[in-house]
All heavy atoms as atom14 arrays in JSON, in Angstrom:
{
  "sequence": "HFQIINSPTPSTHHELILQKCALYHEQHNTCFWDDLL",
  "atom14_mask": [
    [1, 1, 1, 1, 1, 1, 1, 1, 1, 1, 0, 0, 0, 0],
    [1, 1, 1, 1, 1, 1, 1, 1, 1, 1, 1, 0, 0, 0],
    [1, 1, 1, 1, 1, 1, 1, 1, 1, 0, 0, 0, 0, 0],
    [1, 1, 1, 1, 1, 1, 1, 1, 0, 0, 0, 0, 0, 0],
    [1, 1, 1, 1, 1, 1, 1, 1, 0, 0, 0, 0, 0, 0],
    [1, 1, 1, 1, 1, 1, 1, 1, 0, 0, 0, 0, 0, 0],
    [1, 1, 1, 1, 1, 1, 0, 0, 0, 0, 0, 0, 0, 0],
    [1, 1, 1, 1, 1, 1, 1, 0, 0, 0, 0, 0, 0, 0],
    [1, 1, 1, 1, 1, 1, 1, 0, 0, 0, 0, 0, 0, 0],
    [1, 1, 1, 1, 1, 1, 1, 0, 0, 0, 0, 0, 0, 0],
    [1, 1, 1, 1, 1, 1, 0, 0, 0, 0, 0, 0, 0, 0],
    [1, 1, 1, 1, 1, 1, 1, 0, 0, 0, 0, 0, 0, 0],
    [1, 1, 1, 1, 1, 1, 1, 1, 1, 1, 0, 0, 0, 0],
    [1, 1, 1, 1, 1, 1, 1, 1, 1, 1, 0, 0, 0, 0],
    [1, 1, 1, 1, 1, 1, 1, 1, 1, 0, 0, 0, 0, 0],
    [1, 1, 1, 1, 1, 1, 1, 1, 0, 0, 0, 0, 0, 0],
    [1, 1, 1, 1, 1, 1, 1, 1, 0, 0, 0, 0, 0, 0],
    [1, 1, 1, 1, 1, 1, 1, 1, 0, 0, 0, 0, 0, 0],
    [1, 1, 1, 1, 1, 1, 1, 1, 1, 0, 0, 0, 0, 0],
    [1, 1, 1, 1, 1, 1, 1, 1, 1, 0, 0, 0, 0, 0],
    [1, 1, 1, 1, 1, 1, 0, 0, 0, 0, 0, 0, 0, 0],
    [1, 1, 1, 1, 1, 0, 0, 0, 0, 0, 0, 0, 0, 0],
    [1, 1, 1, 1, 1, 1, 1, 1, 0, 0, 0, 0, 0, 0],
    [1, 1, 1, 1, 1, 1, 1, 1, 1, 1, 1, 1, 0, 0],
    [1, 1, 1, 1, 1, 1, 1, 1, 1, 1, 0, 0, 0, 0],
    [1, 1, 1, 1, 1, 1, 1, 1, 1, 0, 0, 0, 0, 0],
    [1, 1, 1, 1, 1, 1, 1, 1, 1, 0, 0, 0, 0, 0],
    [1, 1, 1, 1, 1, 1, 1, 1, 1, 1, 0, 0, 0, 0],
    [1, 1, 1, 1, 1, 1, 1, 1, 0, 0, 0, 0, 0, 0],
    [1, 1, 1, 1, 1, 1, 1, 0, 0, 0, 0, 0, 0, 0],
    [1, 1, 1, 1, 1, 1, 0, 0, 0, 0, 0, 0, 0, 0],
    [1, 1, 1, 1, 1, 1, 1, 1, 1, 1, 1, 0, 0, 0],
    [1, 1, 1, 1, 1, 1, 1, 1, 1, 1, 1, 1, 1, 1],
    [1, 1, 1, 1, 1, 1, 1, 1, 0, 0, 0, 0, 0, 0],
    [1, 1, 1, 1, 1, 1, 1, 1, 0, 0, 0, 0, 0, 0],
    [1, 1, 1, 1, 1, 1, 1, 1, 0, 0, 0, 0, 0, 0],
    [1, 1, 1, 1, 1, 1, 1, 1, 0, 0, 0, 0, 0, 0]
  ],
  "atom14_positions": [
    [[-6.01, 19.24, 15.77], [-5.32, 19.49, 14.54], [-5.0, 18.23, 13.87], [-4.91, 17.12, 14.45], [-3.97, 20.22, 14.8], [-3.01, 19.56, 15.68], [-3.11, 19.45, 17.06], [-1.84, 18.88, 15.33], [-2.07, 18.63, 17.5], [-1.34, 18.41, 16.49], [0.0, 0.0, 0.0], [0.0, 0.0, 0.0], [0.0, 0.0, 0.0], [0.0, 0.0, 0.0]],
    [[-4.86, 18.25, 12.54], [-4.37, 17.19, 11.65], [-2.99, 17.52, 11.26], [-2.47, 18.68, 11.36], [-5.29, 16.96, 10.46], [-6.66, 16.51, 10.74], [-7.69, 16.74, 9.82], [-7.0, 15.88, 11.92], [-9.0, 16.29, 10.08], [-8.33, 15.41, 12.14], [-9.35, 15.66, 11.25], [0.0, 0.0, 0.0], [0.0, 0.0, 0.0], [0.0, 0.0, 0.0]],
    [[-2.33, 16.51, 10.61], [-0.96, 16.81, 9.93], [-0.99, 16.03, 8.62], [-1.56, 14.98, 8.51], [0.1, 16.25, 10.87], [0.19, 16.94, 12.22], [1.35, 16.53, 13.01], [2.5, 16.43, 12.52], [1.24, 16.14, 14.22], [0.0, 0.0, 0.0], [0.0, 0.0, 0.0], [0.0, 0.0, 0.0], [0.0, 0.0, 0.0], [0.0, 0.0, 0.0]],
    [[-0.35, 16.67, 7.61], [-0.24, 16.04, 6.29], [1.21, 16.1, 5.93], [1.87, 17.18, 6.14], [-1.1, 16.68, 5.24], [-1.11, 15.87, 4.01], [-0.77, 18.1, 4.97], [-2.31, 16.18, 3.06], [0.0, 0.0, 0.0], [0.0, 0.0, 0.0], [0.0, 0.0, 0.0], [0.0, 0.0, 0.0], [0.0, 0.0, 0.0], [0.0, 0.0, 0.0]],
    [[1.78, 14.93, 5.47], [3.18, 14.85, 5.1], [3.29, 14.48, 3.64], [2.77, 13.47, 3.26], [3.9, 13.83, 6.05], [3.78, 14.19, 7.48], [5.41, 13.67, 5.62], [4.43, 13.14, 8.44], [0.0, 0.0, 0.0], [0.0, 0.0, 0.0], [0.0, 0.0, 0.0], [0.0, 0.0, 0.0], [0.0, 0.0, 0.0], [0.0, 0.0, 0.0]],
    [[3.96, 15.35, 2.9], [4.28, 15.1, 1.46], [5.78, 14.81, 1.45], [6.6, 15.74, 1.79], [3.88, 16.31, 0.63], [2.46, 16.6, 0.59], [1.75, 16.33, 1.55], [1.97, 17.23, -0.48], [0.0, 0.0, 0.0], [0.0, 0.0, 0.0], [0.0, 0.0, 0.0], [0.0, 0.0, 0.0], [0.0, 0.0, 0.0], [0.0, 0.0, 0.0]],
    [[6.18, 13.69, 0.84], [7.59, 13.29, 0.79], [7.91, 12.6, -0.5], [7.01, 11.99, -1.15], [7.81, 12.36, 1.98], [9.14, 11.74, 1.96], [0.0, 0.0, 0.0], [0.0, 0.0, 0.0], [0.0, 0.0, 0.0], [0.0, 0.0, 0.0], [0.0, 0.0, 0.0], [0.0, 0.0, 0.0], [0.0, 0.0, 0.0], [0.0, 0.0, 0.0]],
    [[9.2, 12.7, -0.89], [9.59, 11.88, -2.09], [9.76, 10.43, -1.78], [9.99, 9.58, -2.71], [10.99, 12.54, -2.45], [11.52, 13.07, -1.12], [10.27, 13.51, -0.34], [0.0, 0.0, 0.0], [0.0, 0.0, 0.0], [0.0, 0.0, 0.0], [0.0, 0.0, 0.0], [0.0, 0.0, 0.0], [0.0, 0.0, 0.0], [0.0, 0.0, 0.0]],
    [[9.76, 10.0, -0.51], [9.88, 8.66, -0.13], [8.81, 8.21, 0.79], [8.36, 9.02, 1.66], [11.27, 8.32, 0.54], [11.35, 9.2, 1.6], [12.41, 8.57, -0.47], [0.0, 0.0, 0.0], [0.0, 0.0, 0.0], [0.0, 0.0, 0.0], [0.0, 0.0, 0.0], [0.0, 0.0, 0.0], [0.0, 0.0, 0.0], [0.0, 0.0, 0.0]],
    [[8.38, 6.9, 0.86], [7.34, 6.51, 1.74], [7.9, 6.16, 3.12], [9.07, 5.84, 3.24], [6.79, 5.33, 1.05], [7.97, 4.73, 0.32], [8.75, 5.85, -0.18], [0.0, 0.0, 0.0], [0.0, 0.0, 0.0], [0.0, 0.0, 0.0], [0.0, 0.0, 0.0], [0.0, 0.0, 0.0], [0.0, 0.0, 0.0], [0.0, 0.0, 0.0]],
    [[7.02, 6.25, 4.11], [7.44, 5.72, 5.46], [7.64, 4.25, 5.42], [7.27, 3.52, 4.43], [6.4, 6.11, 6.45], [5.24, 5.38, 6.24], [0.0, 0.0, 0.0], [0.0, 0.0, 0.0], [0.0, 0.0, 0.0], [0.0, 0.0, 0.0], [0.0, 0.0, 0.0], [0.0, 0.0, 0.0], [0.0, 0.0, 0.0], [0.0, 0.0, 0.0]],
    [[8.11, 3.62, 6.55], [8.3, 2.15, 6.54], [7.06, 1.36, 6.28], [7.04, 0.46, 5.49], [8.95, 1.8, 7.96], [10.16, 2.57, 8.15], [9.18, 0.31, 7.99], [0.0, 0.0, 0.0], [0.0, 0.0, 0.0], [0.0, 0.0, 0.0], [0.0, 0.0, 0.0], [0.0, 0.0, 0.0], [0.0, 0.0, 0.0], [0.0, 0.0, 0.0]],
    [[6.03, 1.81, 7.01], [4.79, 0.97, 6.88], [4.12, 1.24, 5.47], [3.52, 0.33, 4.9], [3.78, 1.32, 8.01], [2.6, 0.49, 8.05], [2.58, -0.9, 8.35], [1.22, 0.77, 7.64], [1.34, -1.44, 8.18], [0.59, -0.37, 7.8], [0.0, 0.0, 0.0], [0.0, 0.0, 0.0], [0.0, 0.0, 0.0], [0.0, 0.0, 0.0]],
    [[4.23, 2.54, 5.09], [3.62, 2.89, 3.74], [4.31, 2.02, 2.66], [3.65, 1.43, 1.82], [3.86, 4.34, 3.54], [3.0, 4.96, 2.47], [2.92, 6.32, 2.27], [2.23, 4.42, 1.63], [2.09, 6.51, 1.29], [1.58, 5.46, 0.81], [0.0, 0.0, 0.0], [0.0, 0.0, 0.0], [0.0, 0.0, 0.0], [0.0, 0.0, 0.0]],
    [[5.55, 1.94, 2.73], [6.3, 1.11, 1.71], [5.96, -0.36, 1.87], [5.74, -0.97, 0.84], [7.82, 1.37, 1.85], [8.64, 0.63, 0.84], [10.19, 0.93, 0.94], [10.64, 1.13, 2.07], [10.77, 1.03, -0.11], [0.0, 0.0, 0.0], [0.0, 0.0, 0.0], [0.0, 0.0, 0.0], [0.0, 0.0, 0.0], [0.0, 0.0, 0.0]],
    [[5.75, -0.81, 3.04], [5.49, -2.26, 3.28], [4.12, -2.57, 2.64], [3.98, -3.59, 1.89], [5.4, -2.54, 4.82], [4.95, -3.97, 5.21], [5.93, -5.03, 4.64], [4.82, -4.09, 6.68], [0.0, 0.0, 0.0], [0.0, 0.0, 0.0], [0.0, 0.0, 0.0], [0.0, 0.0, 0.0], [0.0, 0.0, 0.0], [0.0, 0.0, 0.0]],
    [[3.1, -1.76, 2.91], [1.82, -2.15, 2.36], [1.66, -1.99, 0.87], [1.02, -2.73, 0.18], [0.71, -1.48, 3.04], [0.75, 0.13, 2.92], [0.5, -1.78, 4.45], [-0.39, 0.91, 3.56], [0.0, 0.0, 0.0], [0.0, 0.0, 0.0], [0.0, 0.0, 0.0], [0.0, 0.0, 0.0], [0.0, 0.0, 0.0], [0.0, 0.0, 0.0]],
    [[2.46, -0.95, 0.31], [2.57, -0.8, -1.09], [3.21, -2.05, -1.77], [2.73, -2.61, -2.76], [3.34, 0.4, -1.5], [2.64, 1.83, -1.32], [3.63, 2.95, -1.47], [1.48, 1.93, -2.28], [0.0, 0.0, 0.0], [0.0, 0.0, 0.0], [0.0, 0.0, 0.0], [0.0, 0.0, 0.0], [0.0, 0.0, 0.0], [0.0, 0.0, 0.0]],
    [[4.31, -2.52, -1.14], [5.02, -3.7, -1.66], [4.11, -4.98, -1.62], [4.04, -5.74, -2.55], [6.36, -3.89, -0.97], [7.34, -2.85, -1.29], [8.63, -3.0, -0.45], [8.67, -3.82, 0.44], [9.69, -2.3, -0.86], [0.0, 0.0, 0.0], [0.0, 0.0, 0.0], [0.0, 0.0, 0.0], [0.0, 0.0, 0.0], [0.0, 0.0, 0.0]],
    [[3.48, -5.16, -0.4], [2.67, -6.29, -0.2], [1.49, -6.38, -1.17], [1.05, -7.39, -1.67], [2.21, -6.39, 1.27], [3.33, -6.71, 2.25], [3.85, -8.2, 2.19], [4.76, -8.38, 3.3], [5.3, -9.87, 3.24], [0.0, 0.0, 0.0], [0.0, 0.0, 0.0], [0.0, 0.0, 0.0], [0.0, 0.0, 0.0], [0.0, 0.0, 0.0]],
    [[0.88, -5.16, -1.41], [-0.25, -5.11, -2.31], [0.21, -5.35, -3.7], [-0.56, -6.02, -4.56], [-0.88, -3.76, -2.2], [-1.84, -3.49, -0.69], [0.0, 0.0, 0.0], [0.0, 0.0, 0.0], [0.0, 0.0, 0.0], [0.0, 0.0, 0.0], [0.0, 0.0, 0.0], [0.0, 0.0, 0.0], [0.0, 0.0, 0.0], [0.0, 0.0, 0.0]],
    [[1.34, -4.91, -4.18], [1.86, -5.16, -5.44], [2.09, -6.63, -5.64], [1.78, -7.23, -6.68], [3.13, -4.37, -5.68], [0.0, 0.0, 0.0], [0.0, 0.0, 0.0], [0.0, 0.0, 0.0], [0.0, 0.0, 0.0], [0.0, 0.0, 0.0], [0.0, 0.0, 0.0], [0.0, 0.0, 0.0], [0.0, 0.0, 0.0], [0.0, 0.0, 0.0]],
    [[2.7, -7.29, -4.7], [2.93, -8.75, -4.72], [1.64, -9.52, -4.79], [1.45, -10.48, -5.57], [3.73, -9.19, -3.48], [4.08, -10.66, -3.35], [4.9, -11.14, -4.6], [4.84, -10.89, -2.08], [0.0, 0.0, 0.0], [0.0, 0.0, 0.0], [0.0, 0.0, 0.0], [0.0, 0.0, 0.0], [0.0, 0.0, 0.0], [0.0, 0.0, 0.0]],
    [[0.64, -9.1, -3.99], [-0.66, -9.73, -4.08], [-1.28, -9.66, -5.41], [-1.83, -10.6, -5.85], [-1.51, -9.17, -2.99], [-2.91, -9.85, -2.81], [-3.1, -10.88, -1.87], [-4.01, -9.44, -3.61], [-4.32, -11.43, -1.76], [-5.25, -10.08, -3.46], [-5.34, -11.12, -2.53], [-6.61, -11.67, -2.4], [0.0, 0.0, 0.0], [0.0, 0.0, 0.0]],
    [[-1.19, -8.43, -5.98], [-1.81, -8.22, -7.31], [-1.05, -9.08, -8.33], [-1.71, -9.65, -9.26], [-1.69, -6.77, -7.64], [-2.43, -6.38, -8.94], [-1.79, -6.38, -10.18], [-3.63, -6.01, -9.09], [-2.68, -5.96, -11.05], [-3.86, -5.77, -10.49], [0.0, 0.0, 0.0], [0.0, 0.0, 0.0], [0.0, 0.0, 0.0], [0.0, 0.0, 0.0]],
    [[0.22, -9.16, -8.24], [0.97, -10.09, -9.14], [0.6, -11.5, -9.05], [0.52, -12.2, -10.06], [2.47, -9.9, -8.86], [3.42, -10.68, -9.75], [4.87, -10.46, -9.34], [5.24, -9.32, -9.02], [5.64, -11.43, -9.38], [0.0, 0.0, 0.0], [0.0, 0.0, 0.0], [0.0, 0.0, 0.0], [0.0, 0.0, 0.0], [0.0, 0.0, 0.0]],
    [[0.27, -12.01, -7.84], [-0.08, -13.42, -7.68], [-1.52, -13.7, -7.95], [-1.82, -14.79, -8.48], [0.2, -13.74, -6.18], [1.75, -13.73, -5.84], [1.88, -13.93, -4.3], [1.01, -13.74, -3.52], [3.13, -14.32, -3.97], [0.0, 0.0, 0.0], [0.0, 0.0, 0.0], [0.0, 0.0, 0.0], [0.0, 0.0, 0.0], [0.0, 0.0, 0.0]],
    [[-2.43, -12.69, -7.75], [-3.86, -13.03, -7.92], [-4.6, -12.2, -8.93], [-5.71, -12.5, -9.2], [-4.5, -12.87, -6.53], [-3.94, -13.64, -5.42], [-4.16, -14.97, -5.31], [-3.01, -13.31, -4.37], [-3.42, -15.5, -4.16], [-2.82, -14.44, -3.71], [0.0, 0.0, 0.0], [0.0, 0.0, 0.0], [0.0, 0.0, 0.0], [0.0, 0.0, 0.0]],
    [[-3.87, -11.24, -9.45], [-4.41, -10.3, -10.47], [-5.74, -9.58, -9.94], [-6.61, -9.19, -10.68], [-4.86, -11.08, -11.67], [-4.98, -10.16, -12.94], [-4.28, -9.2, -12.98], [-5.9, -10.48, -13.84], [0.0, 0.0, 0.0], [0.0, 0.0, 0.0], [0.0, 0.0, 0.0], [0.0, 0.0, 0.0], [0.0, 0.0, 0.0], [0.0, 0.0, 0.0]],
    [[-5.73, -9.38, -8.64], [-6.81, -8.56, -8.04], [-6.2, -7.69, -6.98], [-4.94, -7.84, -6.55], [-7.85, -9.43, -7.39], [-7.18, -10.25, -6.37], [-8.64, -10.28, -8.35], [0.0, 0.0, 0.0], [0.0, 0.0, 0.0], [0.0, 0.0, 0.0], [0.0, 0.0, 0.0], [0.0, 0.0, 0.0], [0.0, 0.0, 0.0], [0.0, 0.0, 0.0]],
    [[-6.86, -6.63, -6.51], [-6.44, -5.76, -5.46], [-6.76, -6.34, -4.13], [-7.84, -6.77, -3.82], [-7.13, -4.38, -5.59], [-6.67, -3.22, -4.24], [0.0, 0.0, 0.0], [0.0, 0.0, 0.0], [0.0, 0.0, 0.0], [0.0, 0.0, 0.0], [0.0, 0.0, 0.0], [0.0, 0.0, 0.0], [0.0, 0.0, 0.0], [0.0, 0.0, 0.0]],
    [[-5.75, -6.47, -3.27], [-5.96, -7.0, -1.92], [-7.14, -6.35, -1.21], [-7.92, -7.04, -0.57], [-4.7, -6.86, -1.07], [-4.85, -7.15, 0.39], [-4.85, -8.42, 0.86], [-5.14, -6.09, 1.29], [-5.04, -8.74, 2.13], [-5.35, -6.46, 2.66], [-5.33, -7.78, 3.07], [0.0, 0.0, 0.0], [0.0, 0.0, 0.0], [0.0, 0.0, 0.0]],
    [[-7.24, -5.06, -1.25], [-8.26, -4.32, -0.48], [-9.66, -4.62, -0.98], [-10.58, -4.75, -0.2], [-7.98, -2.86, -0.46], [-6.66, -2.48, 0.19], [-5.55, -2.02, -0.47], [-6.31, -2.61, 1.52], [-4.52, -1.88, 0.42], [-4.95, -2.18, 1.66], [-6.97, -2.99, 2.72], [-4.33, -2.19, 2.98], [-6.37, -3.04, 3.94], [-5.0, -2.59, 4.04]],
    [[-9.8, -4.79, -2.31], [-11.11, -5.18, -2.87], [-11.53, -6.58, -2.4], [-12.68, -6.81, -1.99], [-11.07, -5.25, -4.36], [-10.96, -3.81, -5.03], [-11.33, -2.92, -4.31], [-10.5, -3.75, -6.18], [0.0, 0.0, 0.0], [0.0, 0.0, 0.0], [0.0, 0.0, 0.0], [0.0, 0.0, 0.0], [0.0, 0.0, 0.0], [0.0, 0.0, 0.0]],
    [[-10.52, -7.53, -2.34], [-10.75, -8.88, -1.89], [-11.09, -8.91, -0.39], [-12.01, -9.63, 0.06], [-9.63, -9.78, -2.26], [-9.48, -10.04, -3.69], [-10.34, -9.68, -4.43], [-8.52, -10.85, -4.02], [0.0, 0.0, 0.0], [0.0, 0.0, 0.0], [0.0, 0.0, 0.0], [0.0, 0.0, 0.0], [0.0, 0.0, 0.0], [0.0, 0.0, 0.0]],
    [[-10.36, -8.04, 0.39], [-10.54, -7.96, 1.82], [-12.0, -7.53, 2.07], [-12.72, -8.11, 2.94], [-9.56, -7.17, 2.45], [-9.73, -6.92, 3.97], [-9.43, -8.23, 4.7], [-8.84, -5.83, 4.49], [0.0, 0.0, 0.0], [0.0, 0.0, 0.0], [0.0, 0.0, 0.0], [0.0, 0.0, 0.0], [0.0, 0.0, 0.0], [0.0, 0.0, 0.0]],
    [[-12.44, -6.48, 1.4], [-13.77, -5.99, 1.65], [-14.86, -6.95, 1.31], [-15.78, -7.16, 2.01], [-14.0, -4.65, 0.86], [-13.23, -3.47, 1.3], [-13.49, -2.31, 0.32], [-13.52, -3.03, 2.66], [0.0, 0.0, 0.0], [0.0, 0.0, 0.0], [0.0, 0.0, 0.0], [0.0, 0.0, 0.0], [0.0, 0.0, 0.0], [0.0, 0.0, 0.0]]
  ]
}
């Protein structure tokens, strides 16, 4: 089985990667995941 969670707030790690990606974009004007790939 799989599980799907819909929530008004992100989990701890979800929030962390969203924040880190936003900071990276602010600093480099690119998406972290695009650059990583």
